[in-house]
């Protein structure tokens, strides 16, 4: 039985899958970096609950939220496409 992608309607190419999964890993790594940077601001706030630090955390969260969302959605979409390509539905013998 040949693996066929439902999204692109061509035989599954494992080298393409590896490339796409590496892109997803890159998006998740970038998200980790973004969250680490944001965590620094949160740590400053934890040490000093000043109005300025609270404002900084809020502004950084507002500025970074769209980036975080984009990175998560990018990784999710790549991984979903790869799972769909690998885990295609079985066809019934009656359908043939």
PDB file of N, CA and C in Angstrom:
ATOM      1  N   UNK A   1       0.846  -1.169   0.000  1.00  0.00           N
ATOM      2  CA  UNK A   1       0.000   0.000   0.000  1.00  0.00           C
ATOM      3  C   UNK A   1       0.894   1.236   0.000  1.00  0.00           C
ATOM      4  N   UNK A   2       0.592   2.214  -0.825  1.00  0.00           N
ATOM      5  CA  UNK A   2       1.392   3.416  -0.971  1.00  0.00           C
ATOM      6  C   UNK A   2       0.824   4.536  -0.096  1.00  0.00           C
ATOM      7  N   UNK A   3       1.703   5.241   0.642  1.00  0.00           N
ATOM      8  CA  UNK A   3       1.272   6.390   1.427  1.00  0.00           C
ATOM      9  C   UNK A   3       0.964   7.546   0.493  1.00  0.00           C
ATOM     10  N   UNK A   4      -0.203   8.124   0.645  1.00  0.00           N
ATOM     11  CA  UNK A   4      -0.610   9.245  -0.197  1.00  0.00           C
ATOM     12  C   UNK A   4      -1.082  10.373   0.708  1.00  0.00           C
ATOM     13  N   UNK A   5      -0.583  11.566   0.457  1.00  0.00           N
ATOM     14  CA  UNK A   5      -0.984  12.716   1.250  1.00  0.00           C
ATOM     15  C   UNK A   5      -2.357  13.190   0.818  1.00  0.00           C
ATOM     16  N   UNK A   6      -3.240  13.425   1.787  1.00  0.00           N
ATOM     17  CA  UNK A   6      -4.567  13.956   1.480  1.00  0.00           C
ATOM     18  C   UNK A   6      -4.518  15.432   1.133  1.00  0.00           C
ATOM     19  N   UNK A   7      -3.477  16.131   1.591  1.00  0.00           N
ATOM     20  CA  UNK A   7      -3.424  17.574   1.393  1.00  0.00           C
ATOM     21  C   UNK A   7      -2.794  17.948   0.068  1.00  0.00           C
ATOM     22  N   UNK A   8      -1.863  17.157  -0.414  1.00  0.00           N
ATOM     23  CA  UNK A   8      -1.190  17.508  -1.663  1.00  0.00           C
ATOM     24  C   UNK A   8      -1.418  16.482  -2.767  1.00  0.00           C
ATOM     25  N   UNK A   9      -2.078  15.375  -2.453  1.00  0.00           N
ATOM     26  CA  UNK A   9      -2.423  14.343  -3.429  1.00  0.00           C
ATOM     27  C   UNK A   9      -1.231  13.851  -4.229  1.00  0.00           C
ATOM     28  N   UNK A  10      -0.132  13.573  -3.547  1.00  0.00           N
ATOM     29  CA  UNK A  10       1.022  12.959  -4.187  1.00  0.00           C
ATOM     30  C   UNK A  10       1.612  11.976  -3.199  1.00  0.00           C
ATOM     31  N   UNK A  11       2.428  11.031  -3.676  1.00  0.00           N
ATOM     32  CA  UNK A  11       3.037  10.077  -2.750  1.00  0.00           C
ATOM     33  C   UNK A  11       3.835  10.807  -1.668  1.00  0.00           C
ATOM     34  N   UNK A  12       3.810  10.258  -0.483  1.00  0.00           N
ATOM     35  CA  UNK A  12       4.521  10.853   0.644  1.00  0.00           C
ATOM     36  C   UNK A  12       6.018  10.797   0.384  1.00  0.00           C
ATOM     37  N   UNK A  13       6.662  11.942   0.445  1.00  0.00           N
ATOM     38  CA  UNK A  13       8.100  12.037   0.260  1.00  0.00           C
ATOM     39  C   UNK A  13       8.714  12.305   1.631  1.00  0.00           C
ATOM     40  N   UNK A  14       9.446  11.318   2.147  1.00  0.00           N
ATOM     41  CA  UNK A  14       9.977  11.446   3.498  1.00  0.00           C
ATOM     42  C   UNK A  14      11.001  12.567   3.616  1.00  0.00           C
ATOM     43  N   UNK A  15      11.719  12.883   2.533  1.00  0.00           N
ATOM     44  CA  UNK A  15      12.668  13.988   2.619  1.00  0.00           C
ATOM     45  C   UNK A  15      11.916  15.308   2.774  1.00  0.00           C
ATOM     46  N   UNK A  16      10.768  15.454   2.101  1.00  0.00           N
ATOM     47  CA  UNK A  16       9.928  16.638   2.288  1.00  0.00           C
ATOM     48  C   UNK A  16       9.368  16.675   3.706  1.00  0.00           C
ATOM     49  N   UNK A  17       8.969  15.529   4.225  1.00  0.00           N
ATOM     50  CA  UNK A  17       8.441  15.452   5.585  1.00  0.00           C
ATOM     51  C   UNK A  17       9.497  15.870   6.590  1.00  0.00           C
ATOM     52  N   UNK A  18      10.708  15.394   6.399  1.00  0.00           N
ATOM     53  CA  UNK A  18      11.790  15.754   7.313  1.00  0.00           C
ATOM     54  C   UNK A  18      12.039  17.260   7.269  1.00  0.00           C
ATOM     55  N   UNK A  19      12.046  17.836   6.085  1.00  0.00           N
ATOM     56  CA  UNK A  19      12.232  19.281   5.929  1.00  0.00           C
ATOM     57  C   UNK A  19      11.113  20.046   6.641  1.00  0.00           C
ATOM     58  N   UNK A  20       9.862  19.622   6.422  1.00  0.00           N
ATOM     59  CA  UNK A  20       8.731  20.297   7.044  1.00  0.00           C
ATOM     60  C   UNK A  20       8.757  20.161   8.561  1.00  0.00           C
ATOM     61  N   UNK A  21       9.108  18.993   9.049  1.00  0.00           N
ATOM     62  CA  UNK A  21       9.177  18.808  10.499  1.00  0.00           C
ATOM     63  C   UNK A  21      10.318  19.620  11.110  1.00  0.00           C
ATOM     64  N   UNK A  22      11.399  19.790  10.366  1.00  0.00           N
ATOM     65  CA  UNK A  22      12.474  20.661  10.846  1.00  0.00           C
ATOM     66  C   UNK A  22      12.016  22.113  10.889  1.00  0.00           C
ATOM     67  N   UNK A  23      11.178  22.520   9.929  1.00  0.00           N
ATOM     68  CA  UNK A  23      10.611  23.874   9.978  1.00  0.00           C
ATOM     69  C   UNK A  23       9.733  24.031  11.218  1.00  0.00           C
ATOM     70  N   UNK A  24       8.930  23.021  11.519  1.00  0.00           N
ATOM     71  CA  UNK A  24       8.080  23.073  12.709  1.00  0.00           C
ATOM     72  C   UNK A  24       8.941  23.134  13.969  1.00  0.00           C
ATOM     73  N   UNK A  25      10.008  22.353  13.996  1.00  0.00           N
ATOM     74  CA  UNK A  25      10.918  22.379  15.146  1.00  0.00           C
ATOM     75  C   UNK A  25      11.545  23.768  15.275  1.00  0.00           C
ATOM     76  N   UNK A  26      11.901  24.377  14.151  1.00  0.00           N
ATOM     77  CA  UNK A  26      12.459  25.729  14.182  1.00  0.00           C
ATOM     78  C   UNK A  26      11.469  26.741  14.729  1.00  0.00           C
ATOM     79  N   UNK A  27      10.204  26.606  14.335  1.00  0.00           N
ATOM     80  CA  UNK A  27       9.171  27.511  14.853  1.00  0.00           C
ATOM     81  C   UNK A  27       9.008  27.332  16.359  1.00  0.00           C
ATOM     82  N   UNK A  28       9.037  26.095  16.819  1.00  0.00           N
ATOM     83  CA  UNK A  28       8.905  25.845  18.262  1.00  0.00           C
ATOM     84  C   UNK A  28      10.137  26.324  19.026  1.00  0.00           C
ATOM     85  N   UNK A  29      11.309  26.188  18.425  1.00  0.00           N
ATOM     86  CA  UNK A  29      12.530  26.698  19.059  1.00  0.00           C
ATOM     87  C   UNK A  29      12.492  28.224  19.148  1.00  0.00           C
ATOM     88  N   UNK A  30      12.013  28.861  18.092  1.00  0.00           N
ATOM     89  CA  UNK A  30      11.876  30.321  18.108  1.00  0.00           C
ATOM     90  C   UNK A  30      10.882  30.746  19.187  1.00  0.00           C
ATOM     91  N   UNK A  31       9.806  29.981  19.333  1.00  0.00           N
ATOM     92  CA  UNK A  31       8.833  30.278  20.387  1.00  0.00           C
ATOM     93  C   UNK A  31       9.478  30.162  21.766  1.00  0.00           C
ATOM     94  N   UNK A  32      10.282  29.138  21.969  1.00  0.00           N
ATOM     95  CA  UNK A  32      10.984  28.981  23.252  1.00  0.00           C
ATOM     96  C   UNK A  32      11.878  30.189  23.523  1.00  0.00           C
ATOM     97  N   UNK A  33      12.602  30.643  22.497  1.00  0.00           N
ATOM     98  CA  UNK A  33      13.461  31.822  22.654  1.00  0.00           C
ATOM     99  C   UNK A  33      12.642  33.058  23.018  1.00  0.00           C
ATOM    100  N   UNK A  34      11.514  33.239  22.328  1.00  0.00           N
ATOM    101  CA  UNK A  34      10.641  34.380  22.606  1.00  0.00           C
ATOM    102  C   UNK A  34      10.123  34.334  24.044  1.00  0.00           C
ATOM    103  N   UNK A  35       9.716  33.143  24.477  1.00  0.00           N
ATOM    104  CA  UNK A  35       9.184  33.009  25.834  1.00  0.00           C
ATOM    105  C   UNK A  35      10.276  33.187  26.891  1.00  0.00           C
ATOM    106  N   UNK A  36      11.500  32.759  26.567  1.00  0.00           N
ATOM    107  CA  UNK A  36      12.615  32.986  27.487  1.00  0.00           C
ATOM    108  C   UNK A  36      12.857  34.479  27.676  1.00  0.00           C
ATOM    109  N   UNK A  37      12.833  35.225  26.579  1.00  0.00           N
ATOM    110  CA  UNK A  37      13.026  36.672  26.668  1.00  0.00           C
ATOM    111  C   UNK A  37      11.900  37.323  27.470  1.00  0.00           C
ATOM    112  N   UNK A  38      10.689  36.878  27.242  1.00  0.00           N
ATOM    113  CA  UNK A  38       9.559  37.409  27.999  1.00  0.00           C
ATOM    114  C   UNK A  38       9.689  37.050  29.475  1.00  0.00           C
ATOM    115  N   UNK A  39      10.193  35.858  29.744  1.00  0.00           N
ATOM    116  CA  UNK A  39      10.386  35.419  31.124  1.00  0.00           C
ATOM    117  C   UNK A  39      11.323  36.326  31.904  1.00  0.00           C
ATOM    118  N   UNK A  40      12.297  36.913  31.214  1.00  0.00           N
ATOM    119  CA  UNK A  40      13.210  37.844  31.880  1.00  0.00           C
ATOM    120  C   UNK A  40      12.432  39.042  32.417  1.00  0.00           C
ATOM    121  N   UNK A  41      11.512  39.555  31.617  1.00  0.00           N
ATOM    122  CA  UNK A  41      10.683  40.678  32.078  1.00  0.00           C
ATOM    123  C   UNK A  41       9.820  40.274  33.263  1.00  0.00           C
ATOM    124  N   UNK A  42       9.284  39.074  33.214  1.00  0.00           N
ATOM    125  CA  UNK A  42       8.445  38.592  34.320  1.00  0.00           C
ATOM    126  C   UNK A  42       9.285  38.448  35.592  1.00  0.00           C
ATOM    127  N   UNK A  43      10.528  37.971  35.442  1.00  0.00           N
ATOM    128  CA  UNK A  43      11.410  37.834  36.608  1.00  0.00           C
ATOM    129  C   UNK A  43      11.708  39.195  37.224  1.00  0.00           C
ATOM    130  N   UNK A  44      11.925  40.204  36.377  1.00  0.00           N
ATOM    131  CA  UNK A  44      12.141  41.551  36.900  1.00  0.00           C
ATOM    132  C   UNK A  44      10.913  42.016  37.689  1.00  0.00           C
ATOM    133  N   UNK A  45       9.744  41.705  37.178  1.00  0.00           N
ATOM    134  CA  UNK A  45       8.518  42.095  37.878  1.00  0.00           C
ATOM    135  C   UNK A  45       8.384  41.338  39.198  1.00  0.00           C
ATOM    136  N   UNK A  46       8.740  40.039  39.179  1.00  0.00           N
ATOM    137  CA  UNK A  46       8.659  39.248  40.410  1.00  0.00           C
ATOM    138  C   UNK A  46       9.556  39.808  41.506  1.00  0.00           C
ATOM    139  N   UNK A  47      10.721  40.337  41.092  1.00  0.00           N
ATOM    140  CA  UNK A  47      11.667  40.890  42.071  1.00  0.00           C
ATOM    141  C   UNK A  47      11.260  42.286  42.532  1.00  0.00           C
ATOM    142  N   UNK A  48      10.575  43.015  41.668  1.00  0.00           N
ATOM    143  CA  UNK A  48      10.211  44.391  41.987  1.00  0.00           C
ATOM    144  C   UNK A  48       8.837  44.679  41.395  1.00  0.00           C
ATOM    145  N   UNK A  49       7.821  44.629  42.218  1.00  0.00           N
ATOM    146  CA  UNK A  49       6.443  44.822  41.761  1.00  0.00           C
ATOM    147  C   UNK A  49       6.124  46.298  41.550  1.00  0.00           C
ATOM    148  N   UNK A  50       6.964  46.962  40.792  1.00  0.00           N
ATOM    149  CA  UNK A  50       6.725  48.381  40.535  1.00  0.00           C
ATOM    150  C   UNK A  50       5.748  48.550  39.370  1.00  0.00           C
ATOM    151  N   UNK A  51       5.180  49.722  39.323  1.00  0.00           N
ATOM    152  CA  UNK A  51       4.269  50.044  38.219  1.00  0.00           C
ATOM    153  C   UNK A  51       5.010  50.006  36.880  1.00  0.00           C
ATOM    154  N   UNK A  52       6.251  50.481  36.858  1.00  0.00           N
ATOM    155  CA  UNK A  52       7.047  50.480  35.620  1.00  0.00           C
ATOM    156  C   UNK A  52       7.309  49.064  35.119  1.00  0.00           C
ATOM    157  N   UNK A  53       7.649  48.165  36.040  1.00  0.00           N
ATOM    158  CA  UNK A  53       7.894  46.779  35.628  1.00  0.00           C
ATOM    159  C   UNK A  53       6.605  46.097  35.168  1.00  0.00           C
ATOM    160  N   UNK A  54       5.504  46.397  35.820  1.00  0.00           N
ATOM    161  CA  UNK A  54       4.214  45.835  35.397  1.00  0.00           C
ATOM    162  C   UNK A  54       3.853  46.336  34.006  1.00  0.00           C
ATOM    163  N   UNK A  55       4.107  47.617  33.758  1.00  0.00           N
ATOM    164  CA  UNK A  55       3.831  48.182  32.434  1.00  0.00           C
ATOM    165  C   UNK A  55       4.711  47.535  31.375  1.00  0.00           C
ATOM    166  N   UNK A  56       5.988  47.329  31.704  1.00  0.00           N
ATOM    167  CA  UNK A  56       6.906  46.687  30.769  1.00  0.00           C
ATOM    168  C   UNK A  56       6.444  45.279  30.406  1.00  0.00           C
ATOM    169  N   UNK A  57       6.033  44.500  31.406  1.00  0.00           N
ATOM    170  CA  UNK A  57       5.552  43.133  31.153  1.00  0.00           C
ATOM    171  C   UNK A  57       4.301  43.170  30.271  1.00  0.00           C
ATOM    172  N   UNK A  58       3.381  44.062  30.584  1.00  0.00           N
ATOM    173  CA  UNK A  58       2.146  44.157  29.800  1.00  0.00           C
ATOM    174  C   UNK A  58       2.433  44.570  28.359  1.00  0.00           C
ATOM    175  N   UNK A  59       3.324  45.535  28.172  1.00  0.00           N
ATOM    176  CA  UNK A  59       3.647  45.989  26.814  1.00  0.00           C
ATOM    177  C   UNK A  59       4.369  44.907  26.018  1.00  0.00           C
ATOM    178  N   UNK A  60       5.279  44.197  26.663  1.00  0.00           N
ATOM    179  CA  UNK A  60       5.981  43.119  25.957  1.00  0.00           C
ATOM    180  C   UNK A  60       5.035  41.981  25.597  1.00  0.00           C
ATOM    181  N   UNK A  61       4.112  41.651  26.493  1.00  0.00           N
ATOM    182  CA  UNK A  61       3.134  40.600  26.199  1.00  0.00           C
ATOM    183  C   UNK A  61       2.248  41.023  25.034  1.00  0.00           C
ATOM    184  N   UNK A  62       1.836  42.270  25.031  1.00  0.00           N
ATOM    185  CA  UNK A  62       0.999  42.774  23.945  1.00  0.00           C
ATOM    186  C   UNK A  62       1.750  42.756  22.624  1.00  0.00           C
ATOM    187  N   UNK A  63       3.005  43.182  22.662  1.00  0.00           N
ATOM    188  CA  UNK A  63       3.825  43.235  21.448  1.00  0.00           C
ATOM    189  C   UNK A  63       4.148  41.832  20.933  1.00  0.00           C
ATOM    190  N   UNK A  64       4.442  40.910  21.841  1.00  0.00           N
ATOM    191  CA  UNK A  64       4.910  39.581  21.454  1.00  0.00           C
ATOM    192  C   UNK A  64       3.793  38.581  21.191  1.00  0.00           C
ATOM    193  N   UNK A  65       2.579  38.857  21.626  1.00  0.00           N
ATOM    194  CA  UNK A  65       1.504  37.870  21.536  1.00  0.00           C
ATOM    195  C   UNK A  65       1.269  37.396  20.107  1.00  0.00           C
ATOM    196  N   UNK A  66       1.231  38.308  19.150  1.00  0.00           N
ATOM    197  CA  UNK A  66       1.001  37.911  17.760  1.00  0.00           C
ATOM    198  C   UNK A  66       2.140  37.041  17.228  1.00  0.00           C
ATOM    199  N   UNK A  67       3.363  37.330  17.653  1.00  0.00           N
ATOM    200  CA  UNK A  67       4.508  36.502  17.248  1.00  0.00           C
ATOM    201  C   UNK A  67       4.367  35.100  17.814  1.00  0.00           C
ATOM    202  N   UNK A  68       4.031  35.017  19.112  1.00  0.00           N
ATOM    203  CA  UNK A  68       3.853  33.702  19.738  1.00  0.00           C
ATOM    204  C   UNK A  68       2.774  32.913  19.019  1.00  0.00           C
ATOM    205  N   UNK A  69       1.655  33.571  18.761  1.00  0.00           N
ATOM    206  CA  UNK A  69       0.526  32.910  18.098  1.00  0.00           C
ATOM    207  C   UNK A  69       0.926  32.434  16.706  1.00  0.00           C
ATOM    208  N   UNK A  70       1.631  33.260  15.970  1.00  0.00           N
ATOM    209  CA  UNK A  70       2.064  32.894  14.620  1.00  0.00           C
ATOM    210  C   UNK A  70       2.987  31.676  14.642  1.00  0.00           C
ATOM    211  N   UNK A  71       3.927  31.655  15.577  1.00  0.00           N
ATOM    212  CA  UNK A  71       4.854  30.525  15.673  1.00  0.00           C
ATOM    213  C   UNK A  71       4.129  29.242  16.047  1.00  0.00           C
ATOM    214  N   UNK A  72       3.186  29.331  16.981  1.00  0.00           N
ATOM    215  CA  UNK A  72       2.416  28.145  17.381  1.00  0.00           C
ATOM    216  C   UNK A  72       1.568  27.640  16.212  1.00  0.00           C
ATOM    217  N   UNK A  73       0.873  28.544  15.530  1.00  0.00           N
ATOM    218  CA  UNK A  73       0.016  28.143  14.416  1.00  0.00           C
ATOM    219  C   UNK A  73       0.839  27.569  13.264  1.00  0.00           C
ATOM    220  N   UNK A  74       2.004  28.142  13.012  1.00  0.00           N
ATOM    221  CA  UNK A  74       2.882  27.629  11.960  1.00  0.00           C
ATOM    222  C   UNK A  74       3.284  26.188  12.253  1.00  0.00           C
ATOM    223  N   UNK A  75       3.783  25.951  13.463  1.00  0.00           N
ATOM    224  CA  UNK A  75       4.187  24.596  13.844  1.00  0.00           C
ATOM    225  C   UNK A  75       2.996  23.644  13.814  1.00  0.00           C
ATOM    226  N   UNK A  76       1.852  24.097  14.335  1.00  0.00           N
ATOM    227  CA  UNK A  76       0.649  23.251  14.352  1.00  0.00           C
ATOM    228  C   UNK A  76       0.237  22.847  12.943  1.00  0.00           C
ATOM    229  N   UNK A  77       0.223  23.801  12.016  1.00  0.00           N
ATOM    230  CA  UNK A  77      -0.205  23.519  10.653  1.00  0.00           C
ATOM    231  C   UNK A  77       0.749  22.553   9.944  1.00  0.00           C
ATOM    232  N   UNK A  78       2.051  22.745  10.141  1.00  0.00           N
ATOM    233  CA  UNK A  78       3.030  21.841   9.525  1.00  0.00           C
ATOM    234  C   UNK A  78       2.865  20.435  10.077  1.00  0.00           C
ATOM    235  N   UNK A  79       2.769  20.323  11.392  1.00  0.00           N
ATOM    236  CA  UNK A  79       2.645  19.007  12.016  1.00  0.00           C
ATOM    237  C   UNK A  79       1.331  18.338  11.611  1.00  0.00           C
ATOM    238  N   UNK A  80       0.246  19.098  11.555  1.00  0.00           N
ATOM    239  CA  UNK A  80      -1.049  18.554  11.139  1.00  0.00           C
ATOM    240  C   UNK A  80      -0.978  18.029   9.712  1.00  0.00           C
ATOM    241  N   UNK A  81      -0.361  18.788   8.807  1.00  0.00           N
ATOM    242  CA  UNK A  81      -0.213  18.341   7.416  1.00  0.00           C
ATOM    243  C   UNK A  81       0.605  17.060   7.328  1.00  0.00           C
ATOM    244  N   UNK A  82       1.657  16.960   8.121  1.00  0.00           N
ATOM    245  CA  UNK A  82       2.494  15.763   8.081  1.00  0.00           C
ATOM    246  C   UNK A  82       1.759  14.555   8.659  1.00  0.00           C
ATOM    247  N   UNK A  83       1.013  14.759   9.731  1.00  0.00           N
ATOM    248  CA  UNK A  83       0.229  13.655  10.295  1.00  0.00           C
ATOM    249  C   UNK A  83      -0.826  13.197   9.298  1.00  0.00           C
ATOM    250  N   UNK A  84      -1.466  14.140   8.639  1.00  0.00           N
ATOM    251  CA  UNK A  84      -2.475  13.802   7.638  1.00  0.00           C
ATOM    252  C   UNK A  84      -1.849  13.025   6.486  1.00  0.00           C
ATOM    253  N   UNK A  85      -0.665  13.432   6.074  1.00  0.00           N
ATOM    254  CA  UNK A  85       0.013  12.748   4.971  1.00  0.00           C
ATOM    255  C   UNK A  85       0.408  11.326   5.348  1.00  0.00           C
ATOM    256  N   UNK A  86       0.808  11.135   6.584  1.00  0.00           N
ATOM    257  CA  UNK A  86       1.256   9.814   7.034  1.00  0.00           C
ATOM    258  C   UNK A  86       0.094   8.923   7.430  1.00  0.00           C
ATOM    259  N   UNK A  87      -0.918   9.499   8.067  1.00  0.00           N
ATOM    260  CA  UNK A  87      -2.020   8.737   8.659  1.00  0.00           C
ATOM    261  C   UNK A  87      -3.286   8.877   7.821  1.00  0.00           C
ATOM    262  N   UNK A  88      -3.177   8.519   6.559  1.00  0.00           N
ATOM    263  CA  UNK A  88      -4.337   8.645   5.689  1.00  0.00           C
ATOM    264  C   UNK A  88      -5.368   7.580   6.033  1.00  0.00           C
ATOM    265  N   UNK A  89      -6.662   7.858   5.789  1.00  0.00           N
ATOM    266  CA  UNK A  89      -7.705   6.885   6.145  1.00  0.00           C
ATOM    267  C   UNK A  89      -7.637   5.644   5.259  1.00  0.00           C
ATOM    268  N   UNK A  90      -7.898   4.525   5.874  1.00  0.00           N
ATOM    269  CA  UNK A  90      -7.943   3.260   5.137  1.00  0.00           C
ATOM    270  C   UNK A  90      -9.203   3.233   4.272  1.00  0.00           C
ATOM    271  N   UNK A  91      -9.103   2.690   3.069  1.00  0.00           N
ATOM    272  CA  UNK A  91     -10.269   2.544   2.213  1.00  0.00           C
ATOM    273  C   UNK A  91     -10.860   1.154   2.413  1.00  0.00           C
ATOM    274  N   UNK A  92     -12.173   1.084   2.438  1.00  0.00           N
ATOM    275  CA  UNK A  92     -12.861  -0.199   2.564  1.00  0.00           C
ATOM    276  C   UNK A  92     -12.727  -0.980   1.277  1.00  0.00           C
ATOM    277  N   UNK A  93     -12.679  -2.270   1.401  1.00  0.00           N
ATOM    278  CA  UNK A  93     -12.645  -3.136   0.223  1.00  0.00           C
ATOM    279  C   UNK A  93     -13.936  -2.954  -0.578  1.00  0.00           C
ATOM    280  N   UNK A  94     -15.036  -2.620   0.080  1.00  0.00           N
ATOM    281  CA  UNK A  94     -16.319  -2.432  -0.610  1.00  0.00           C
ATOM    282  C   UNK A  94     -16.302  -1.191  -1.485  1.00  0.00           C
ATOM    283  N   UNK A  95     -15.446  -0.200  -1.156  1.00  0.00           N
ATOM    284  CA  UNK A  95     -15.371   1.019  -1.939  1.00  0.00           C
ATOM    285  C   UNK A  95     -14.637   0.812  -3.254  1.00  0.00           C
ATOM    286  N   UNK A  96     -13.892  -0.275  -3.363  1.00  0.00           N
ATOM    287  CA  UNK A  96     -13.073  -0.494  -4.574  1.00  0.00           C
ATOM    288  C   UNK A  96     -13.885  -1.000  -5.720  1.00  0.00           C
TER     289      UNK A  96
END
